[in-house]
Amino acid sequence: MITAIVLVSVESDSIPEVAQQLADLDGVSEVYSVSGDVDLIVIVRVREFDDIAAVIAGRISKVSGVLHTDTHIAFRAYSQHDLDAAFSIGYSES
């Protein structure tokens, strides 16, 4: 699975509506409204690299109210659960 994190700038008076439209798109797994330099963070999960262009350029960028996108491709996922498991290998509590 390929994960892309898309930072989305949106017309300020339509953030909730745009967020819902983005959440309904195929390939979009999560949408977060956030504070800071962007309005929304969209998590895209697809099976093929070619699908990234279809979702971002073909769908997300075409939603009315989307002003700008900035896409970051994830190389590896880390979570606290994964780190705890990795560091506890060979260790057992007595």
PDB file of N, CA and C in Angstrom:
ATOM      1  N   MET A   1       0.844  -1.173   0.000  1.00  0.00           N
ATOM      2  CA  MET A   1       0.000   0.000   0.000  1.00  0.00           C
ATOM      3  C   MET A   1       0.891   1.238   0.000  1.00  0.00           C
ATOM      4  N   ILE A   2       0.578   2.181  -0.852  1.00  0.00           N
ATOM      5  CA  ILE A   2       1.315   3.443  -0.949  1.00  0.00           C
ATOM      6  C   ILE A   2       0.493   4.519  -0.261  1.00  0.00           C
ATOM      7  N   THR A   3       1.147   5.281   0.600  1.00  0.00           N
ATOM      8  CA  THR A   3       0.462   6.343   1.334  1.00  0.00           C
ATOM      9  C   THR A   3       1.017   7.686   0.905  1.00  0.00           C
ATOM     10  N   ALA A   4       0.115   8.603   0.617  1.00  0.00           N
ATOM     11  CA  ALA A   4       0.487   9.986   0.317  1.00  0.00           C
ATOM     12  C   ALA A   4      -0.215  10.891   1.318  1.00  0.00           C
ATOM     13  N   ILE A   5       0.511  11.866   1.816  1.00  0.00           N
ATOM     14  CA  ILE A   5      -0.049  12.879   2.706  1.00  0.00           C
ATOM     15  C   ILE A   5      -0.163  14.144   1.875  1.00  0.00           C
ATOM     16  N   VAL A   6      -1.384  14.634   1.737  1.00  0.00           N
ATOM     17  CA  VAL A   6      -1.634  15.782   0.876  1.00  0.00           C
ATOM     18  C   VAL A   6      -2.077  16.963   1.739  1.00  0.00           C
ATOM     19  N   LEU A   7      -1.297  18.038   1.693  1.00  0.00           N
ATOM     20  CA  LEU A   7      -1.637  19.268   2.396  1.00  0.00           C
ATOM     21  C   LEU A   7      -2.483  20.105   1.439  1.00  0.00           C
ATOM     22  N   VAL A   8      -3.665  20.502   1.892  1.00  0.00           N
ATOM     23  CA  VAL A   8      -4.624  21.145   0.994  1.00  0.00           C
ATOM     24  C   VAL A   8      -5.020  22.523   1.532  1.00  0.00           C
ATOM     25  N   SER A   9      -4.869  23.530   0.698  1.00  0.00           N
ATOM     26  CA  SER A   9      -5.373  24.868   0.998  1.00  0.00           C
ATOM     27  C   SER A   9      -6.735  25.007   0.336  1.00  0.00           C
ATOM     28  N   VAL A  10      -7.674  25.577   1.095  1.00  0.00           N
ATOM     29  CA  VAL A  10      -9.071  25.610   0.660  1.00  0.00           C
ATOM     30  C   VAL A  10      -9.612  27.020   0.856  1.00  0.00           C
ATOM     31  N   GLU A  11     -10.596  27.394   0.039  1.00  0.00           N
ATOM     32  CA  GLU A  11     -11.295  28.657   0.265  1.00  0.00           C
ATOM     33  C   GLU A  11     -11.874  28.616   1.674  1.00  0.00           C
ATOM     34  N   SER A  12     -11.595  29.643   2.465  1.00  0.00           N
ATOM     35  CA  SER A  12     -11.891  29.610   3.899  1.00  0.00           C
ATOM     36  C   SER A  12     -13.369  29.449   4.228  1.00  0.00           C
ATOM     37  N   ASP A  13     -14.249  29.875   3.362  1.00  0.00           N
ATOM     38  CA  ASP A  13     -15.674  29.765   3.670  1.00  0.00           C
ATOM     39  C   ASP A  13     -16.279  28.425   3.272  1.00  0.00           C
ATOM     40  N   SER A  14     -15.456  27.497   2.782  1.00  0.00           N
ATOM     41  CA  SER A  14     -16.005  26.211   2.345  1.00  0.00           C
ATOM     42  C   SER A  14     -15.232  25.008   2.879  1.00  0.00           C
ATOM     43  N   ILE A  15     -14.501  25.177   3.959  1.00  0.00           N
ATOM     44  CA  ILE A  15     -13.663  24.087   4.477  1.00  0.00           C
ATOM     45  C   ILE A  15     -14.475  22.837   4.821  1.00  0.00           C
ATOM     46  N   PRO A  16     -15.568  22.927   5.585  1.00  0.00           N
ATOM     47  CA  PRO A  16     -16.301  21.695   5.930  1.00  0.00           C
ATOM     48  C   PRO A  16     -16.859  20.968   4.706  1.00  0.00           C
ATOM     49  N   GLU A  17     -17.383  21.730   3.749  1.00  0.00           N
ATOM     50  CA  GLU A  17     -17.962  21.115   2.555  1.00  0.00           C
ATOM     51  C   GLU A  17     -16.889  20.449   1.689  1.00  0.00           C
ATOM     52  N   VAL A  18     -15.763  21.133   1.534  1.00  0.00           N
ATOM     53  CA  VAL A  18     -14.665  20.563   0.750  1.00  0.00           C
ATOM     54  C   VAL A  18     -14.117  19.323   1.453  1.00  0.00           C
ATOM     55  N   ALA A  19     -13.961  19.388   2.769  1.00  0.00           N
ATOM     56  CA  ALA A  19     -13.451  18.242   3.524  1.00  0.00           C
ATOM     57  C   ALA A  19     -14.334  17.021   3.309  1.00  0.00           C
ATOM     58  N   GLN A  20     -15.648  17.201   3.341  1.00  0.00           N
ATOM     59  CA  GLN A  20     -16.561  16.073   3.146  1.00  0.00           C
ATOM     60  C   GLN A  20     -16.474  15.536   1.721  1.00  0.00           C
ATOM     61  N   GLN A  21     -16.383  16.422   0.743  1.00  0.00           N
ATOM     62  CA  GLN A  21     -16.246  15.976  -0.648  1.00  0.00           C
ATOM     63  C   GLN A  21     -14.961  15.174  -0.833  1.00  0.00           C
ATOM     64  N   LEU A  22     -13.879  15.643  -0.217  1.00  0.00           N
ATOM     65  CA  LEU A  22     -12.614  14.914  -0.327  1.00  0.00           C
ATOM     66  C   LEU A  22     -12.696  13.563   0.365  1.00  0.00           C
ATOM     67  N   ALA A  23     -13.330  13.523   1.517  1.00  0.00           N
ATOM     68  CA  ALA A  23     -13.457  12.257   2.254  1.00  0.00           C
ATOM     69  C   ALA A  23     -14.246  11.220   1.469  1.00  0.00           C
ATOM     70  N   ASP A  24     -15.126  11.662   0.603  1.00  0.00           N
ATOM     71  CA  ASP A  24     -15.956  10.750  -0.184  1.00  0.00           C
ATOM     72  C   ASP A  24     -15.269  10.216  -1.442  1.00  0.00           C
ATOM     73  N   LEU A  25     -14.076  10.722  -1.761  1.00  0.00           N
ATOM     74  CA  LEU A  25     -13.373  10.297  -2.981  1.00  0.00           C
ATOM     75  C   LEU A  25     -12.741   8.926  -2.808  1.00  0.00           C
ATOM     76  N   ASP A  26     -12.773   8.127  -3.869  1.00  0.00           N
ATOM     77  CA  ASP A  26     -12.061   6.847  -3.873  1.00  0.00           C
ATOM     78  C   ASP A  26     -10.570   7.113  -3.726  1.00  0.00           C
ATOM     79  N   GLY A  27      -9.919   6.352  -2.863  1.00  0.00           N
ATOM     80  CA  GLY A  27      -8.487   6.500  -2.635  1.00  0.00           C
ATOM     81  C   GLY A  27      -8.162   7.355  -1.422  1.00  0.00           C
ATOM     82  N   VAL A  28      -9.134   8.128  -0.950  1.00  0.00           N
ATOM     83  CA  VAL A  28      -8.926   8.967   0.234  1.00  0.00           C
ATOM     84  C   VAL A  28      -9.370   8.177   1.453  1.00  0.00           C
ATOM     85  N   SER A  29      -8.456   7.991   2.406  1.00  0.00           N
ATOM     86  CA  SER A  29      -8.817   7.224   3.599  1.00  0.00           C
ATOM     87  C   SER A  29      -9.179   8.104   4.782  1.00  0.00           C
ATOM     88  N   GLU A  30      -8.583   9.310   4.863  1.00  0.00           N
ATOM     89  CA  GLU A  30      -8.842  10.203   5.993  1.00  0.00           C
ATOM     90  C   GLU A  30      -8.673  11.646   5.558  1.00  0.00           C
ATOM     91  N   VAL A  31      -9.442  12.523   6.194  1.00  0.00           N
ATOM     92  CA  VAL A  31      -9.302  13.967   5.983  1.00  0.00           C
ATOM     93  C   VAL A  31      -9.345  14.621   7.356  1.00  0.00           C
ATOM     94  N   TYR A  32      -8.369  15.485   7.629  1.00  0.00           N
ATOM     95  CA  TYR A  32      -8.293  16.199   8.906  1.00  0.00           C
ATOM     96  C   TYR A  32      -8.324  17.695   8.646  1.00  0.00           C
ATOM     97  N   SER A  33      -9.156  18.425   9.379  1.00  0.00           N
ATOM     98  CA  SER A  33      -9.039  19.883   9.357  1.00  0.00           C
ATOM     99  C   SER A  33      -7.990  20.225  10.411  1.00  0.00           C
ATOM    100  N   VAL A  34      -7.113  21.156  10.069  1.00  0.00           N
ATOM    101  CA  VAL A  34      -5.970  21.449  10.930  1.00  0.00           C
ATOM    102  C   VAL A  34      -5.741  22.953  11.014  1.00  0.00           C
ATOM    103  N   SER A  35      -4.963  23.344  12.006  1.00  0.00           N
ATOM    104  CA  SER A  35      -4.525  24.736  12.087  1.00  0.00           C
ATOM    105  C   SER A  35      -3.143  24.821  11.454  1.00  0.00           C
ATOM    106  N   GLY A  36      -2.741  26.017  11.086  1.00  0.00           N
ATOM    107  CA  GLY A  36      -1.413  26.188  10.498  1.00  0.00           C
ATOM    108  C   GLY A  36      -1.487  26.737   9.093  1.00  0.00           C
ATOM    109  N   ASP A  37      -0.489  26.401   8.298  1.00  0.00           N
ATOM    110  CA  ASP A  37      -0.364  26.955   6.954  1.00  0.00           C
ATOM    111  C   ASP A  37      -1.343  26.367   5.938  1.00  0.00           C
ATOM    112  N   VAL A  38      -1.911  25.203   6.246  1.00  0.00           N
ATOM    113  CA  VAL A  38      -2.882  24.584   5.350  1.00  0.00           C
ATOM    114  C   VAL A  38      -4.188  24.372   6.104  1.00  0.00           C
ATOM    115  N   ASP A  39      -5.239  24.080   5.366  1.00  0.00           N
ATOM    116  CA  ASP A  39      -6.560  23.920   5.974  1.00  0.00           C
ATOM    117  C   ASP A  39      -6.917  22.464   6.237  1.00  0.00           C
ATOM    118  N   LEU A  40      -6.493  21.581   5.335  1.00  0.00           N
ATOM    119  CA  LEU A  40      -6.834  20.169   5.440  1.00  0.00           C
ATOM    120  C   LEU A  40      -5.603  19.308   5.193  1.00  0.00           C
ATOM    121  N   ILE A  41      -5.550  18.181   5.858  1.00  0.00           N
ATOM    122  CA  ILE A  41      -4.562  17.152   5.544  1.00  0.00           C
ATOM    123  C   ILE A  41      -5.343  15.927   5.112  1.00  0.00           C
ATOM    124  N   VAL A  42      -5.017  15.449   3.928  1.00  0.00           N
ATOM    125  CA  VAL A  42      -5.715  14.315   3.338  1.00  0.00           C
ATOM    126  C   VAL A  42      -4.748  13.143   3.251  1.00  0.00           C
ATOM    127  N   ILE A  43      -5.182  11.997   3.740  1.00  0.00           N
ATOM    128  CA  ILE A  43      -4.380  10.777   3.649  1.00  0.00           C
ATOM    129  C   ILE A  43      -4.926   9.951   2.492  1.00  0.00           C
ATOM    130  N   VAL A  44      -4.064   9.698   1.527  1.00  0.00           N
ATOM    131  CA  VAL A  44      -4.422   8.908   0.346  1.00  0.00           C
ATOM    132  C   VAL A  44      -3.697   7.576   0.445  1.00  0.00           C
ATOM    133  N   ARG A  45      -4.433   6.491   0.251  1.00  0.00           N
ATOM    134  CA  ARG A  45      -3.831   5.157   0.260  1.00  0.00           C
ATOM    135  C   ARG A  45      -4.254   4.430  -1.018  1.00  0.00           C
ATOM    136  N   VAL A  46      -3.250   4.054  -1.813  1.00  0.00           N
ATOM    137  CA  VAL A  46      -3.500   3.380  -3.089  1.00  0.00           C
ATOM    138  C   VAL A  46      -2.530   2.214  -3.257  1.00  0.00           C
ATOM    139  N   ARG A  47      -2.819   1.361  -4.202  1.00  0.00           N
ATOM    140  CA  ARG A  47      -1.978   0.183  -4.431  1.00  0.00           C
ATOM    141  C   ARG A  47      -0.848   0.437  -5.421  1.00  0.00           C
ATOM    142  N   GLU A  48      -1.042   1.338  -6.365  1.00  0.00           N
ATOM    143  CA  GLU A  48      -0.065   1.591  -7.425  1.00  0.00           C
ATOM    144  C   GLU A  48       0.319   3.068  -7.459  1.00  0.00           C
ATOM    145  N   PHE A  49       1.563   3.364  -7.848  1.00  0.00           N
ATOM    146  CA  PHE A  49       1.996   4.760  -7.947  1.00  0.00           C
ATOM    147  C   PHE A  49       1.161   5.540  -8.949  1.00  0.00           C
ATOM    148  N   ASP A  50       0.755   4.910 -10.039  1.00  0.00           N
ATOM    149  CA  ASP A  50      -0.070   5.599 -11.034  1.00  0.00           C
ATOM    150  C   ASP A  50      -1.386   6.078 -10.441  1.00  0.00           C
ATOM    151  N   ASP A  51      -1.881   5.382  -9.428  1.00  0.00           N
ATOM    152  CA  ASP A  51      -3.141   5.763  -8.792  1.00  0.00           C
ATOM    153  C   ASP A  51      -3.013   7.068  -8.014  1.00  0.00           C
ATOM    154  N   ILE A  52      -1.797   7.411  -7.588  1.00  0.00           N
ATOM    155  CA  ILE A  52      -1.597   8.663  -6.856  1.00  0.00           C
ATOM    156  C   ILE A  52      -1.993   9.848  -7.738  1.00  0.00           C
ATOM    157  N   ALA A  53      -1.536   9.848  -8.969  1.00  0.00           N
ATOM    158  CA  ALA A  53      -1.885  10.931  -9.891  1.00  0.00           C
ATOM    159  C   ALA A  53      -3.385  10.963 -10.148  1.00  0.00           C
ATOM    160  N   ALA A  54      -3.992   9.807 -10.274  1.00  0.00           N
ATOM    161  CA  ALA A  54      -5.435   9.759 -10.513  1.00  0.00           C
ATOM    162  C   ALA A  54      -6.210  10.359  -9.354  1.00  0.00           C
ATOM    163  N   VAL A  55      -5.792  10.062  -8.148  1.00  0.00           N
ATOM    164  CA  VAL A  55      -6.508  10.563  -6.969  1.00  0.00           C
ATOM    165  C   VAL A  55      -6.219  12.047  -6.744  1.00  0.00           C
ATOM    166  N   ILE A  56      -4.950  12.434  -6.771  1.00  0.00           N
ATOM    167  CA  ILE A  56      -4.605  13.815  -6.404  1.00  0.00           C
ATOM    168  C   ILE A  56      -4.887  14.783  -7.552  1.00  0.00           C
ATOM    169  N   ALA A  57      -4.275  14.562  -8.691  1.00  0.00           N
ATOM    170  CA  ALA A  57      -4.472  15.484  -9.819  1.00  0.00           C
ATOM    171  C   ALA A  57      -5.842  15.308 -10.455  1.00  0.00           C
ATOM    172  N   GLY A  58      -6.317  14.077 -10.482  1.00  0.00           N
ATOM    173  CA  GLY A  58      -7.577  13.797 -11.160  1.00  0.00           C
ATOM    174  C   GLY A  58      -8.820  14.012 -10.330  1.00  0.00           C
ATOM    175  N   ARG A  59      -8.697  13.941  -9.009  1.00  0.00           N
ATOM    176  CA  ARG A  59      -9.886  14.078  -8.161  1.00  0.00           C
ATOM    177  C   ARG A  59      -9.760  15.215  -7.150  1.00  0.00           C
ATOM    178  N   ILE A  60      -8.756  15.148  -6.278  1.00  0.00           N
ATOM    179  CA  ILE A  60      -8.633  16.133  -5.197  1.00  0.00           C
ATOM    180  C   ILE A  60      -8.514  17.552  -5.758  1.00  0.00           C
ATOM    181  N   SER A  61      -7.611  17.760  -6.697  1.00  0.00           N
ATOM    182  CA  SER A  61      -7.370  19.103  -7.237  1.00  0.00           C
ATOM    183  C   SER A  61      -8.577  19.669  -7.977  1.00  0.00           C
ATOM    184  N   LYS A  62      -9.490  18.810  -8.401  1.00  0.00           N
ATOM    185  CA  LYS A  62     -10.648  19.258  -9.170  1.00  0.00           C
ATOM    186  C   LYS A  62     -11.866  19.565  -8.306  1.00  0.00           C
ATOM    187  N   VAL A  63     -11.776  19.323  -7.000  1.00  0.00           N
ATOM    188  CA  VAL A  63     -12.899  19.645  -6.113  1.00  0.00           C
ATOM    189  C   VAL A  63     -13.006  21.158  -6.004  1.00  0.00           C
ATOM    190  N   SER A  64     -14.194  21.673  -6.205  1.00  0.00           N
ATOM    191  CA  SER A  64     -14.424  23.114  -6.116  1.00  0.00           C
ATOM    192  C   SER A  64     -14.088  23.610  -4.714  1.00  0.00           C
ATOM    193  N   GLY A  65     -13.280  24.643  -4.642  1.00  0.00           N
ATOM    194  CA  GLY A  65     -12.852  25.202  -3.361  1.00  0.00           C
ATOM    195  C   GLY A  65     -11.423  24.872  -3.008  1.00  0.00           C
ATOM    196  N   VAL A  66     -10.843  23.861  -3.666  1.00  0.00           N
ATOM    197  CA  VAL A  66      -9.437  23.517  -3.435  1.00  0.00           C
ATOM    198  C   VAL A  66      -8.575  24.532  -4.174  1.00  0.00           C
ATOM    199  N   LEU A  67      -7.693  25.190  -3.441  1.00  0.00           N
ATOM    200  CA  LEU A  67      -6.835  26.214  -4.035  1.00  0.00           C
ATOM    201  C   LEU A  67      -5.448  25.703  -4.393  1.00  0.00           C
ATOM    202  N   HIS A  68      -4.906  24.811  -3.540  1.00  0.00           N
ATOM    203  CA  HIS A  68      -3.528  24.359  -3.728  1.00  0.00           C
ATOM    204  C   HIS A  68      -3.332  23.039  -2.985  1.00  0.00           C
ATOM    205  N   THR A  69      -2.513  22.163  -3.557  1.00  0.00           N
ATOM    206  CA  THR A  69      -2.138  20.925  -2.871  1.00  0.00           C
ATOM    207  C   THR A  69      -0.629  20.799  -2.828  1.00  0.00           C
ATOM    208  N   ASP A  70      -0.142  20.133  -1.798  1.00  0.00           N
ATOM    209  CA  ASP A  70       1.283  19.846  -1.634  1.00  0.00           C
ATOM    210  C   ASP A  70       1.363  18.393  -1.171  1.00  0.00           C
ATOM    211  N   THR A  71       1.928  17.536  -2.005  1.00  0.00           N
ATOM    212  CA  THR A  71       1.880  16.096  -1.755  1.00  0.00           C
ATOM    213  C   THR A  71       3.212  15.563  -1.252  1.00  0.00           C
ATOM    214  N   HIS A  72       3.132  14.709  -0.238  1.00  0.00           N
ATOM    215  CA  HIS A  72       4.291  14.041   0.343  1.00  0.00           C
ATOM    216  C   HIS A  72       4.037  12.537   0.308  1.00  0.00           C
ATOM    217  N   ILE A  73       4.959  11.786  -0.292  1.00  0.00           N
ATOM    218  CA  ILE A  73       4.842  10.327  -0.361  1.00  0.00           C
ATOM    219  C   ILE A  73       5.537   9.733   0.859  1.00  0.00           C
ATOM    220  N   ALA A  74       4.840   8.858   1.553  1.00  0.00           N
ATOM    221  CA  ALA A  74       5.417   8.210   2.733  1.00  0.00           C
ATOM    222  C   ALA A  74       6.281   7.032   2.299  1.00  0.00           C
ATOM    223  N   PHE A  75       7.481   6.941   2.867  1.00  0.00           N
ATOM    224  CA  PHE A  75       8.368   5.825   2.575  1.00  0.00           C
ATOM    225  C   PHE A  75       8.162   4.670   3.541  1.00  0.00           C
ATOM    226  N   ARG A  76       8.018   5.001   4.812  1.00  0.00           N
ATOM    227  CA  ARG A  76       7.904   3.978   5.840  1.00  0.00           C
ATOM    228  C   ARG A  76       7.026   4.520   6.959  1.00  0.00           C
ATOM    229  N   ALA A  77       6.229   3.651   7.558  1.00  0.00           N
ATOM    230  CA  ALA A  77       5.365   4.060   8.672  1.00  0.00           C
ATOM    231  C   ALA A  77       5.990   3.625   9.986  1.00  0.00           C
ATOM    232  N   TYR A  78       5.945   4.517  10.938  1.00  0.00           N
ATOM    233  CA  TYR A  78       6.414   4.222  12.289  1.00  0.00           C
ATOM    234  C   TYR A  78       5.262   4.526  13.237  1.00  0.00           C
ATOM    235  N   SER A  79       5.080   3.677  14.191  1.00  0.00           N
ATOM    236  CA  SER A  79       4.085   3.954  15.217  1.00  0.00           C
ATOM    237  C   SER A  79       4.668   3.552  16.555  1.00  0.00           C
ATOM    238  N   GLN A  80       4.107   4.050  17.623  1.00  0.00           N
ATOM    239  CA  GLN A  80       4.599   3.700  18.952  1.00  0.00           C
ATOM    240  C   GLN A  80       4.517   2.200  19.165  1.00  0.00           C
ATOM    241  N   HIS A  81       3.446   1.591  18.674  1.00  0.00           N
ATOM    242  CA  HIS A  81       3.277   0.139  18.798  1.00  0.00           C
ATOM    243  C   HIS A  81       4.430  -0.596  18.120  1.00  0.00           C
ATOM    244  N   ASP A  82       4.791  -0.179  16.904  1.00  0.00           N
ATOM    245  CA  ASP A  82       5.887  -0.810  16.168  1.00  0.00           C
ATOM    246  C   ASP A  82       7.217  -0.622  16.892  1.00  0.00           C
ATOM    247  N   LEU A  83       7.455   0.570  17.407  1.00  0.00           N
ATOM    248  CA  LEU A  83       8.708   0.840  18.106  1.00  0.00           C
ATOM    249  C   LEU A  83       8.803   0.027  19.392  1.00  0.00           C
ATOM    250  N   ASP A  84       7.711  -0.062  20.150  1.00  0.00           N
ATOM    251  CA  ASP A  84       7.709  -0.859  21.377  1.00  0.00           C
ATOM    252  C   ASP A  84       8.008  -2.321  21.063  1.00  0.00           C
ATOM    253  N   ALA A  85       7.406  -2.840  20.006  1.00  0.00           N
ATOM    254  CA  ALA A  85       7.624  -4.235  19.628  1.00  0.00           C
ATOM    255  C   ALA A  85       9.073  -4.467  19.209  1.00  0.00           C
ATOM    256  N   ALA A  86       9.641  -3.538  18.457  1.00  0.00           N
ATOM    257  CA  ALA A  86      11.015  -3.691  17.982  1.00  0.00           C
ATOM    258  C   ALA A  86      12.017  -3.678  19.129  1.00  0.00           C
ATOM    259  N   PHE A  87      11.813  -2.783  20.084  1.00  0.00           N
ATOM    260  CA  PHE A  87      12.764  -2.669  21.185  1.00  0.00           C
ATOM    261  C   PHE A  87      12.575  -3.718  22.254  1.00  0.00           C
ATOM    262  N   SER A  88      11.471  -4.446  22.213  1.00  0.00           N
ATOM    263  CA  SER A  88      11.245  -5.464  23.239  1.00  0.00           C
ATOM    264  C   SER A  88      11.605  -6.867  22.752  1.00  0.00           C
ATOM    265  N   ILE A  89      12.144  -6.985  21.549  1.00  0.00           N
ATOM    266  CA  ILE A  89      12.536  -8.290  21.026  1.00  0.00           C
ATOM    267  C   ILE A  89      13.611  -8.893  21.931  1.00  0.00           C
ATOM    268  N   GLY A  90      13.370 -10.089  22.382  1.00  0.00           N
ATOM    269  CA  GLY A  90      14.332 -10.786  23.238  1.00  0.00           C
ATOM    270  C   GLY A  90      14.218 -10.393  24.694  1.00  0.00           C
ATOM    271  N   TYR A  91      13.301  -9.512  25.029  1.00  0.00           N
ATOM    272  CA  TYR A  91      13.148  -9.067  26.401  1.00  0.00           C
ATOM    273  C   TYR A  91      11.839  -9.618  26.951  1.00  0.00           C
ATOM    274  N   SER A  92      11.926 -10.254  28.099  1.00  0.00           N
ATOM    275  CA  SER A  92      10.702 -10.724  28.741  1.00  0.00           C
ATOM    276  C   SER A  92      10.695 -10.235  30.177  1.00  0.00           C
ATOM    277  N   GLU A  93       9.532  -9.781  30.613  1.00  0.00           N
ATOM    278  CA  GLU A  93       9.420  -9.303  31.997  1.00  0.00           C
ATOM    279  C   GLU A  93       9.391 -10.484  32.936  1.00  0.00           C
ATOM    280  N   SER A  94      10.120 -10.385  34.030  1.00  0.00           N
ATOM    281  CA  SER A  94      10.179 -11.489  34.991  1.00  0.00           C
ATOM    282  C   SER A  94       9.314 -11.202  36.173  1.00  0.00           C
TER     283      SER A  94
END
